[in-house]
N, C-alpha and C. Protein backbone atom coordinates (compact mmCIF):
# COMPACT_ATOMS: atom_id res chain seq x y z
N MET A 1 0.75 -1.41 -0.18
CA MET A 1 0.02 0.01 -0.25
C MET A 1 0.80 1.12 -0.12
N THR A 2 0.34 2.21 -1.13
CA THR A 2 1.19 3.56 -0.83
C THR A 2 0.83 4.58 -0.17
N THR A 3 1.36 5.27 0.79
CA THR A 3 1.13 6.44 1.58
C THR A 3 1.61 7.46 1.21
N ILE A 4 0.77 8.41 0.78
CA ILE A 4 1.18 9.68 0.38
C ILE A 4 0.99 10.73 1.93
N THR A 5 2.32 11.23 1.63
CA THR A 5 2.58 12.06 2.98
C THR A 5 2.82 13.54 2.39
N HIS A 6 2.17 14.65 3.08
CA HIS A 6 1.86 15.97 2.49
C HIS A 6 3.37 16.67 3.70
N VAL A 7 3.92 17.12 3.21
CA VAL A 7 4.79 17.95 4.41
C VAL A 7 4.89 19.29 4.31
N ARG A 8 4.14 20.15 5.53
CA ARG A 8 4.08 21.22 5.23
C ARG A 8 5.31 22.26 5.67
N ARG A 9 5.55 23.24 4.95
CA ARG A 9 6.64 24.03 5.27
C ARG A 9 6.26 25.25 5.97
N ARG A 10 7.16 25.51 6.85
CA ARG A 10 6.83 26.83 7.53
C ARG A 10 7.30 27.86 7.21
N LEU A 11 6.45 28.92 7.01
CA LEU A 11 7.10 30.13 6.66
C LEU A 11 7.83 31.01 7.66
N ALA A 12 8.98 31.38 7.29
CA ALA A 12 9.72 32.12 7.95
C ALA A 12 9.50 33.76 7.98
N HIS A 13 9.45 34.34 9.19
CA HIS A 13 9.31 35.72 8.91
C HIS A 13 10.38 36.22 9.68
N THR A 14 10.91 37.15 8.87
CA THR A 14 12.32 38.11 9.26
C THR A 14 11.49 39.51 9.25
N ALA A 15 11.65 40.15 10.20
CA ALA A 15 11.52 41.47 10.45
C ALA A 15 12.58 42.41 10.27
N ALA A 16 12.48 43.25 9.23
CA ALA A 16 13.60 43.82 9.06
C ALA A 16 12.85 45.55 8.62
N ARG A 17 13.30 46.36 9.46
CA ARG A 17 12.76 48.05 9.39
C ARG A 17 13.55 48.61 7.97
N ALA A 18 12.60 49.32 7.42
CA ALA A 18 13.21 49.86 6.08
C ALA A 18 14.32 50.85 6.64
N ASN A 19 15.32 50.92 5.67
CA ASN A 19 15.90 52.35 6.10
C ASN A 19 15.58 53.64 5.30
N LEU A 20 15.90 54.60 5.68
CA LEU A 20 15.74 56.09 4.75
C LEU A 20 16.95 56.06 4.34
N THR A 21 16.60 56.74 2.55
CA THR A 21 17.61 56.80 1.80
C THR A 21 17.08 58.04 0.61
N ALA A 22 18.03 58.64 -0.26
CA ALA A 22 17.91 59.78 -0.82
C ALA A 22 17.01 59.27 -2.06
N LEU A 23 15.47 58.67 -1.55
CA LEU A 23 14.54 58.76 -2.53
C LEU A 23 13.14 59.55 -2.31
N GLY A 24 12.63 60.00 -3.65
CA GLY A 24 11.68 60.61 -3.23
C GLY A 24 10.49 60.47 -2.03
N PRO A 25 10.13 61.34 -1.56
CA PRO A 25 9.11 61.35 -0.39
C PRO A 25 8.20 60.10 -0.40
N ASP A 26 7.17 59.46 -1.58
CA ASP A 26 6.88 58.84 -1.83
C ASP A 26 7.28 57.53 -2.30
N GLU A 27 8.62 57.42 -2.37
CA GLU A 27 9.52 56.11 -3.50
C GLU A 27 9.86 55.25 -2.01
N PHE A 28 10.15 53.77 -2.73
CA PHE A 28 10.35 52.82 -2.02
C PHE A 28 11.43 52.28 -3.15
N GLU A 29 12.26 51.26 -2.55
CA GLU A 29 12.96 50.18 -3.18
C GLU A 29 13.16 48.93 -2.72
N GLY A 30 13.48 47.78 -3.36
CA GLY A 30 13.64 46.75 -2.66
C GLY A 30 13.84 45.72 -3.57
N TYR A 31 13.43 44.14 -3.02
CA TYR A 31 13.78 43.15 -4.02
C TYR A 31 12.31 42.42 -4.13
N ALA A 32 11.88 42.20 -5.33
CA ALA A 32 10.58 41.80 -5.18
C ALA A 32 10.97 39.91 -5.27
N SER A 33 12.20 39.51 -5.66
CA SER A 33 12.39 38.32 -6.10
C SER A 33 14.04 38.07 -6.21
N LEU A 34 14.46 36.97 -5.30
CA LEU A 34 15.68 36.80 -5.23
C LEU A 34 15.93 35.43 -5.96
N PHE A 35 17.51 35.40 -6.77
CA PHE A 35 17.65 34.13 -7.51
C PHE A 35 18.05 33.05 -6.40
N GLY A 36 17.84 31.87 -7.09
CA GLY A 36 18.42 30.52 -6.19
C GLY A 36 18.04 30.53 -4.98
N VAL A 37 16.92 31.28 -4.34
CA VAL A 37 16.22 30.84 -3.25
C VAL A 37 14.93 30.19 -3.07
N VAL A 38 15.01 29.11 -2.40
CA VAL A 38 14.11 28.40 -2.52
C VAL A 38 12.29 29.58 -1.61
N ASP A 39 11.53 29.35 -2.17
CA ASP A 39 10.44 29.91 -1.24
C ASP A 39 9.59 29.10 -0.81
N GLY A 40 8.61 29.29 -0.13
CA GLY A 40 7.81 28.41 0.53
C GLY A 40 6.66 27.42 0.04
N ALA A 41 6.74 27.52 -1.46
CA ALA A 41 6.01 26.66 -2.19
C ALA A 41 6.89 25.66 -2.90
N GLY A 42 8.34 25.92 -2.71
CA GLY A 42 9.23 24.88 -3.34
C GLY A 42 9.85 25.43 -4.56
N ASP A 43 9.52 26.70 -5.07
CA ASP A 43 10.03 27.20 -6.13
C ASP A 43 11.39 27.87 -5.84
N VAL A 44 11.98 28.03 -7.20
CA VAL A 44 13.32 28.71 -7.09
C VAL A 44 13.59 29.59 -8.50
N VAL A 45 13.54 30.73 -8.55
CA VAL A 45 14.02 31.75 -9.59
C VAL A 45 15.23 31.47 -10.12
N ALA A 46 15.12 31.30 -11.45
CA ALA A 46 16.65 31.28 -11.89
C ALA A 46 17.24 32.75 -12.51
N PRO A 47 18.14 32.86 -12.34
CA PRO A 47 18.68 34.00 -12.92
C PRO A 47 18.23 34.43 -14.70
N GLY A 48 17.72 35.43 -14.91
CA GLY A 48 17.29 35.58 -16.46
C GLY A 48 15.55 35.14 -16.64
N ALA A 49 15.26 34.83 -15.40
CA ALA A 49 13.72 34.24 -15.58
C ALA A 49 12.79 35.48 -15.98
N PHE A 50 13.35 36.69 -15.70
CA PHE A 50 12.12 37.75 -16.08
C PHE A 50 12.60 38.62 -17.13
N ALA A 51 13.61 38.38 -17.73
CA ALA A 51 14.47 38.90 -18.83
C ALA A 51 13.51 39.49 -20.20
N LYS A 52 12.85 38.13 -20.81
CA LYS A 52 11.59 38.35 -21.87
C LYS A 52 10.63 39.05 -21.38
N SER A 53 10.03 38.93 -20.05
CA SER A 53 8.96 39.69 -19.75
C SER A 53 8.99 41.08 -19.50
N LEU A 54 10.40 41.20 -19.03
CA LEU A 54 10.42 42.66 -18.84
C LEU A 54 11.04 43.57 -19.92
N ARG A 55 11.27 43.17 -21.18
CA ARG A 55 11.62 43.38 -22.63
C ARG A 55 9.92 43.68 -23.09
N THR A 56 9.10 42.75 -22.99
CA THR A 56 7.84 43.33 -23.53
C THR A 56 6.75 43.93 -22.38
N ARG A 57 7.13 43.65 -21.40
CA ARG A 57 6.22 44.24 -20.31
C ARG A 57 6.97 45.74 -19.45
N PRO A 58 7.23 46.86 -19.95
CA PRO A 58 8.01 47.54 -18.80
C PRO A 58 7.48 47.85 -17.29
N ALA A 59 8.24 48.37 -16.88
CA ALA A 59 7.84 48.80 -15.21
C ALA A 59 6.41 49.57 -15.26
N ALA A 60 5.93 50.53 -15.92
CA ALA A 60 5.15 51.25 -15.89
C ALA A 60 3.60 50.12 -16.58
N ARG A 61 3.63 49.23 -16.94
CA ARG A 61 2.79 48.41 -17.15
C ARG A 61 2.71 47.30 -16.37
N VAL A 62 3.70 47.04 -15.03
CA VAL A 62 3.55 46.26 -14.20
C VAL A 62 2.74 46.85 -12.93
N ARG A 63 1.57 46.21 -12.30
CA ARG A 63 0.88 46.98 -11.52
C ARG A 63 1.51 46.75 -10.03
N LEU A 64 1.50 47.73 -9.08
CA LEU A 64 1.72 47.91 -7.82
C LEU A 64 0.55 47.64 -7.22
N LEU A 65 0.41 46.75 -6.62
CA LEU A 65 -0.73 46.12 -5.86
C LEU A 65 -0.68 46.26 -4.12
N TYR A 66 -1.56 46.06 -3.47
CA TYR A 66 -1.59 45.99 -1.89
C TYR A 66 -2.05 44.69 -2.10
N GLN A 67 -1.42 43.56 -1.30
CA GLN A 67 -1.64 42.38 -0.91
C GLN A 67 -2.00 41.36 -1.97
N HIS A 68 -1.78 42.04 -3.19
CA HIS A 68 -2.22 41.13 -4.60
C HIS A 68 -3.67 41.46 -5.02
N PHE A 69 -4.53 42.48 -4.16
CA PHE A 69 -5.32 42.28 -4.82
C PHE A 69 -5.94 43.45 -5.75
N ALA A 70 -6.45 43.09 -6.92
CA ALA A 70 -6.68 43.59 -8.24
C ALA A 70 -6.92 45.02 -8.22
N HIS A 71 -7.98 44.95 -7.17
CA HIS A 71 -8.82 46.20 -6.83
C HIS A 71 -8.16 46.98 -5.97
N GLU A 72 -7.02 46.88 -5.90
CA GLU A 72 -6.15 47.94 -4.69
C GLU A 72 -4.93 48.13 -5.18
N PRO A 73 -4.77 49.02 -6.38
CA PRO A 73 -3.42 49.79 -6.84
C PRO A 73 -3.16 50.55 -5.95
N ILE A 74 -2.06 50.82 -5.69
CA ILE A 74 -1.57 51.80 -4.65
C ILE A 74 -0.30 52.73 -5.11
N GLY A 75 0.19 52.46 -6.39
CA GLY A 75 1.31 53.10 -6.82
C GLY A 75 1.63 53.08 -8.22
N VAL A 76 2.66 53.09 -8.69
CA VAL A 76 3.36 52.89 -9.74
C VAL A 76 4.86 52.28 -9.68
N TRP A 77 5.41 51.44 -10.78
CA TRP A 77 6.82 50.95 -10.68
C TRP A 77 7.30 52.04 -11.70
N GLU A 78 8.57 52.54 -11.20
CA GLU A 78 9.51 53.42 -11.79
C GLU A 78 10.50 52.50 -12.74
N VAL A 79 11.10 51.84 -11.96
CA VAL A 79 12.17 50.72 -12.18
C VAL A 79 12.06 49.51 -11.82
N ILE A 80 12.30 48.40 -13.00
CA ILE A 80 11.99 46.89 -12.53
C ILE A 80 13.19 46.70 -13.35
N ARG A 81 14.20 45.86 -12.70
CA ARG A 81 15.18 45.03 -13.39
C ARG A 81 15.78 43.94 -12.52
N GLU A 82 16.39 43.07 -13.70
CA GLU A 82 17.14 42.13 -12.98
C GLU A 82 18.48 42.54 -12.43
N ASP A 83 18.95 41.86 -11.29
CA ASP A 83 20.46 42.38 -11.12
C ASP A 83 21.18 40.90 -10.65
N ALA A 84 22.59 40.93 -10.15
CA ALA A 84 22.88 39.56 -9.76
C ALA A 84 21.96 39.05 -8.59
N ARG A 85 21.53 39.85 -8.07
CA ARG A 85 21.08 39.14 -6.69
C ARG A 85 19.29 38.60 -6.97
N GLY A 86 18.72 39.42 -7.72
CA GLY A 86 17.14 39.18 -8.01
C GLY A 86 16.59 39.96 -8.73
N LEU A 87 15.30 40.51 -8.56
CA LEU A 87 14.04 41.40 -9.36
C LEU A 87 14.57 42.49 -8.32
N TYR A 88 15.18 43.67 -8.59
CA TYR A 88 15.18 44.89 -8.09
C TYR A 88 14.02 45.62 -8.50
N VAL A 89 13.25 46.55 -7.41
CA VAL A 89 11.90 47.30 -7.93
C VAL A 89 12.41 48.86 -7.23
N ARG A 90 11.83 49.75 -7.91
CA ARG A 90 11.46 51.11 -7.07
C ARG A 90 10.20 51.49 -7.78
N GLY A 91 9.57 51.68 -6.46
CA GLY A 91 8.08 52.25 -6.98
C GLY A 91 8.03 53.82 -6.21
N ARG A 92 6.52 54.17 -6.62
CA ARG A 92 6.01 55.59 -5.85
C ARG A 92 4.92 54.89 -5.54
N ILE A 93 4.21 55.14 -4.16
CA ILE A 93 3.25 55.11 -3.81
C ILE A 93 2.59 56.42 -4.07
N VAL A 94 1.46 56.40 -4.47
CA VAL A 94 0.29 57.51 -4.54
C VAL A 94 -0.27 57.71 -3.48
N PRO A 95 -0.11 59.10 -2.94
CA PRO A 95 -0.71 59.20 -1.49
C PRO A 95 -2.15 59.93 -1.45
N ASP A 96 -2.53 60.21 -2.77
CA ASP A 96 -3.90 60.50 -2.75
C ASP A 96 -4.72 59.27 -2.88
N VAL A 97 -4.67 57.99 -2.84
CA VAL A 97 -5.46 57.02 -2.68
C VAL A 97 -5.35 56.60 -1.21
N GLN A 98 -6.31 56.22 -0.83
CA GLN A 98 -6.11 56.22 1.00
C GLN A 98 -5.38 54.95 1.15
N ARG A 99 -5.62 53.92 0.71
CA ARG A 99 -4.66 52.48 0.86
C ARG A 99 -3.41 52.85 0.80
N GLY A 100 -2.86 53.42 -0.39
CA GLY A 100 -1.49 54.15 -0.75
C GLY A 100 -1.06 54.90 0.53
N ALA A 101 -1.55 55.78 1.04
CA ALA A 101 -1.01 56.71 2.05
C ALA A 101 -0.87 55.95 3.23
N GLU A 102 -2.10 54.67 3.42
CA GLU A 102 -1.78 53.89 4.43
C GLU A 102 -0.47 53.17 4.52
N VAL A 103 -0.34 52.54 3.51
CA VAL A 103 0.88 51.77 3.09
C VAL A 103 2.30 52.24 3.21
N MET A 104 2.01 53.40 2.85
CA MET A 104 3.32 54.30 3.18
C MET A 104 3.74 54.64 4.33
N ALA A 105 2.65 54.86 5.19
CA ALA A 105 3.03 55.08 6.78
C ALA A 105 3.16 53.84 7.48
N LEU A 106 2.74 52.90 7.01
CA LEU A 106 2.81 51.56 7.31
C LEU A 106 4.49 51.19 7.18
N LEU A 107 4.81 51.52 5.99
CA LEU A 107 6.43 51.06 5.44
C LEU A 107 7.32 52.07 6.48
N ARG A 108 7.01 53.23 6.52
CA ARG A 108 8.06 54.17 7.25
C ARG A 108 7.94 53.81 8.90
N ASP A 109 7.05 52.92 9.26
CA ASP A 109 6.75 52.56 10.75
C ASP A 109 7.64 51.43 10.71
N GLY A 110 8.14 50.83 9.49
CA GLY A 110 8.28 49.06 9.78
C GLY A 110 7.44 48.25 9.86
N ALA A 111 6.09 48.64 9.88
CA ALA A 111 4.98 47.77 10.17
C ALA A 111 4.82 46.80 8.83
N LEU A 112 5.31 47.19 8.18
CA LEU A 112 4.77 46.48 6.53
C LEU A 112 6.08 46.56 5.62
N ASN A 113 6.63 45.32 4.98
CA ASN A 113 7.81 45.47 4.28
C ASN A 113 8.10 44.43 3.25
N GLY A 114 7.16 43.34 3.17
CA GLY A 114 7.27 42.24 2.14
C GLY A 114 6.96 42.87 0.80
N LEU A 115 7.56 42.23 -0.27
CA LEU A 115 7.44 42.40 -1.64
C LEU A 115 7.25 40.79 -1.72
N SER A 116 6.05 40.71 -2.97
CA SER A 116 5.78 39.53 -3.73
C SER A 116 5.22 39.54 -4.89
N ILE A 117 5.37 38.69 -6.17
CA ILE A 117 5.60 38.41 -7.29
C ILE A 117 4.08 37.94 -7.72
N GLY A 118 3.09 38.61 -8.54
CA GLY A 118 2.19 38.12 -9.37
C GLY A 118 2.97 37.55 -10.80
N PHE A 119 2.73 36.36 -11.03
CA PHE A 119 3.29 36.18 -12.36
C PHE A 119 2.57 34.77 -13.05
N ARG A 120 2.83 34.38 -14.35
CA ARG A 120 2.71 33.07 -14.82
C ARG A 120 3.95 32.59 -15.21
N THR A 121 3.92 31.22 -14.89
CA THR A 121 4.98 30.49 -15.23
C THR A 121 5.14 30.19 -16.96
N ARG A 122 6.02 30.92 -17.89
CA ARG A 122 6.05 30.39 -19.02
C ARG A 122 7.15 28.75 -19.09
N ARG A 123 7.99 28.84 -18.42
CA ARG A 123 8.95 27.77 -18.34
C ARG A 123 9.40 27.32 -17.21
N ALA A 124 9.61 26.03 -17.01
CA ALA A 124 10.02 25.59 -15.54
C ALA A 124 10.55 24.02 -15.67
N ARG A 125 11.53 23.66 -14.98
CA ARG A 125 12.07 22.10 -14.76
C ARG A 125 11.99 22.21 -13.59
N ARG A 126 11.84 20.53 -12.98
CA ARG A 126 11.83 19.91 -12.02
C ARG A 126 13.20 19.53 -11.47
N ASP A 127 13.96 19.94 -10.51
CA ASP A 127 15.45 19.52 -9.87
C ASP A 127 15.06 18.31 -9.38
N PRO A 128 15.86 17.07 -10.18
CA PRO A 128 15.46 15.80 -9.49
C PRO A 128 16.24 15.69 -8.35
N ALA A 129 17.11 16.38 -8.09
CA ALA A 129 17.89 16.19 -6.73
C ALA A 129 17.08 16.62 -5.53
N THR A 130 16.61 17.63 -5.75
CA THR A 130 15.85 18.29 -4.70
C THR A 130 14.12 18.36 -4.51
N GLY A 131 14.03 18.11 -5.79
CA GLY A 131 12.25 18.27 -5.97
C GLY A 131 11.52 19.76 -6.17
N HIS A 132 12.63 20.60 -6.22
CA HIS A 132 12.09 22.11 -6.31
C HIS A 132 11.87 22.46 -7.54
N ARG A 133 10.83 23.21 -7.84
CA ARG A 133 10.45 23.77 -9.36
C ARG A 133 11.50 25.01 -9.87
N ILE A 134 12.03 24.81 -10.88
CA ILE A 134 12.94 25.87 -11.12
C ILE A 134 12.52 26.51 -11.78
N LEU A 135 12.24 27.83 -11.76
CA LEU A 135 11.27 28.78 -12.53
C LEU A 135 12.46 29.41 -13.73
N LEU A 136 12.32 29.20 -15.24
CA LEU A 136 13.19 29.47 -16.23
C LEU A 136 12.80 30.70 -16.78
N GLU A 137 11.62 30.85 -16.91
CA GLU A 137 10.73 32.14 -17.60
C GLU A 137 9.53 32.47 -17.09
N ILE A 138 9.57 33.65 -16.53
CA ILE A 138 7.96 34.22 -15.83
C ILE A 138 7.59 35.06 -16.57
N GLU A 139 6.45 35.40 -16.93
CA GLU A 139 5.69 36.63 -17.44
C GLU A 139 5.22 37.21 -16.17
N LEU A 140 5.78 38.43 -15.69
CA LEU A 140 5.52 39.15 -14.75
C LEU A 140 4.06 40.03 -14.83
N TRP A 141 3.24 39.98 -14.15
CA TRP A 141 2.11 40.99 -14.03
C TRP A 141 2.09 41.86 -12.97
N GLU A 142 2.46 41.67 -11.67
CA GLU A 142 2.12 42.63 -10.67
C GLU A 142 3.60 42.47 -9.56
N VAL A 143 3.68 43.37 -8.68
CA VAL A 143 4.40 43.08 -7.49
C VAL A 143 3.42 43.98 -6.62
N SER A 144 3.38 43.10 -5.44
CA SER A 144 2.52 43.80 -4.23
C SER A 144 3.48 44.10 -2.91
N VAL A 145 2.98 45.00 -2.48
CA VAL A 145 3.50 44.96 -1.04
C VAL A 145 2.61 44.26 -0.21
N VAL A 146 3.16 43.21 0.67
CA VAL A 146 2.78 42.28 1.40
C VAL A 146 3.08 42.46 3.02
N THR A 147 2.28 41.40 3.79
CA THR A 147 2.50 41.71 5.38
C THR A 147 3.57 40.13 5.31
N PHE A 148 3.11 38.99 4.53
CA PHE A 148 3.98 38.02 4.59
C PHE A 148 4.66 37.28 3.31
N PRO A 149 5.50 37.61 2.58
CA PRO A 149 6.09 37.45 1.03
C PRO A 149 6.30 35.75 1.58
N LEU A 150 6.00 35.07 0.22
CA LEU A 150 6.32 33.79 0.25
C LEU A 150 7.56 33.36 0.20
N LEU A 151 8.51 34.59 -0.42
CA LEU A 151 9.89 34.43 -0.30
C LEU A 151 10.75 34.83 0.49
N PRO A 152 11.49 34.40 1.37
CA PRO A 152 12.29 34.95 2.70
C PRO A 152 13.11 36.11 1.94
N ASN A 153 13.18 37.22 2.79
CA ASN A 153 14.09 38.23 2.53
C ASN A 153 13.47 38.93 1.04
N SER A 154 12.44 38.89 0.72
CA SER A 154 11.77 39.39 -0.36
C SER A 154 11.07 40.82 0.03
N HIS A 155 11.80 41.95 0.39
CA HIS A 155 11.23 42.96 1.03
C HIS A 155 11.84 44.52 0.57
N VAL A 156 11.11 45.45 1.09
CA VAL A 156 11.40 46.76 0.93
C VAL A 156 12.91 46.95 1.64
N THR A 157 13.78 47.62 0.73
CA THR A 157 15.16 47.69 1.69
C THR A 157 15.55 49.10 1.93
N ALA A 158 14.39 50.17 1.30
CA ALA A 158 14.88 51.55 1.29
C ALA A 158 13.59 52.31 1.21
N ILE A 159 13.32 53.12 2.14
CA ILE A 159 11.91 54.20 1.65
C ILE A 159 12.72 55.85 1.53
N GLY A 160 11.75 56.56 0.92
CA GLY A 160 12.15 57.59 0.63
C GLY A 160 11.76 58.75 1.87
N ALA A 161 12.55 59.89 1.91
CA ALA A 161 12.09 61.14 3.30
C ALA A 161 10.72 61.12 3.24
N LYS A 162 10.26 61.73 4.12
CA LYS A 162 8.81 62.26 4.37
C LYS A 162 9.03 63.49 3.53
N SER A 163 9.93 64.43 3.62
CA SER A 163 9.97 65.72 2.68
C SER A 163 11.26 65.82 1.94
N ALA A 164 11.10 66.73 1.11
CA ALA A 164 12.16 66.64 0.12
C ALA A 164 13.27 67.53 0.95
N LEU A 165 12.91 68.19 1.87
CA LEU A 165 14.04 68.87 2.45
C LEU A 165 14.66 67.87 3.33
N ALA A 166 14.34 66.77 3.78
CA ALA A 166 14.80 65.58 4.71
C ALA A 166 15.72 65.21 3.78
N GLY A 167 15.50 64.82 2.74
CA GLY A 167 16.24 64.51 1.48
C GLY A 167 17.68 65.23 1.15
N GLU A 168 17.50 66.58 1.30
CA GLU A 168 18.63 67.62 0.87
C GLU A 168 19.44 67.57 2.18
N VAL A 169 18.82 67.37 3.51
CA VAL A 169 19.78 67.33 4.52
C VAL A 169 20.71 66.32 4.73
N ARG A 170 19.97 65.06 4.48
CA ARG A 170 20.55 63.59 3.90
C ARG A 170 21.84 64.11 3.22
N ARG A 171 21.61 64.28 2.26
CA ARG A 171 22.73 64.42 1.31
C ARG A 171 23.73 65.36 1.50
N ALA A 172 23.64 66.89 1.95
CA ALA A 172 24.30 67.41 2.55
C ALA A 172 25.17 66.95 3.75
N SER A 173 24.49 65.92 4.62
CA SER A 173 25.28 65.43 5.97
C SER A 173 26.32 64.47 5.00
N ALA A 174 26.25 63.87 3.99
CA ALA A 174 26.92 62.98 3.55
C ALA A 174 28.02 63.40 2.75
N ALA A 175 27.84 64.69 2.44
CA ALA A 175 28.66 65.43 1.47
C ALA A 175 29.87 65.95 2.50
N LEU A 176 29.29 66.40 3.71
CA LEU A 176 30.23 66.78 4.76
C LEU A 176 31.21 65.60 5.33
N ARG A 177 30.54 64.25 5.45
CA ARG A 177 31.34 63.30 5.99
C ARG A 177 32.26 62.71 5.03
N ALA A 178 32.40 62.91 3.65
CA ALA A 178 32.78 62.31 2.65
C ALA A 178 34.25 63.27 2.57
C-alpha cells in the first residue's frame, strides 16, 4: 500500500525595518524576487527568468498592488530590473489613494515591508535532486506590498524621506562626511 504524506513547510518571518535613503518622499525600493532561493512553495527563480517579460512589459505596465488585490492599486513602478541578486524594484506610492497613504505610513514605521510577485510560469523544470521547481521564464504581472512574502528576504530595503527637505539634509550630511 502506498502512503502519500504531505509535508507542510513553515514560513519564516524576518523583521527588517526599512532604511531611509535619498529617494523621493513617496518612493521605496527593494527586491521582489531573489535568484536561487527556495520560496515557501518550493519554487526557485533562475537568473534571467524575468528578462523576456521585462522586454515586453516595462515597469509602467506592471501593477503595484496591495496584498495582490487587483482592486487595490497603490502606486506605480518606476524601475524593475534584474541584477545579480534578483528582481530589483523601485516604486512610487500614490498618496492621494487612501490605501496608498496607509501603506506608506506602515512602510515608514516598519510595520509592513514584504514584496511578492504575481506571475505566470512560462517555462520551468523540476530539479531531480531536490524536487524544487526551477522557474526559467516568468511572465510578470504585478508586484505587491505584502505582510508575509512567500519568499524569505523579498522585502523593501529603503524608503524615501517624508519631505524633500529631509532628503536634502541627508545628502548635505553625507557630503560633509566624505
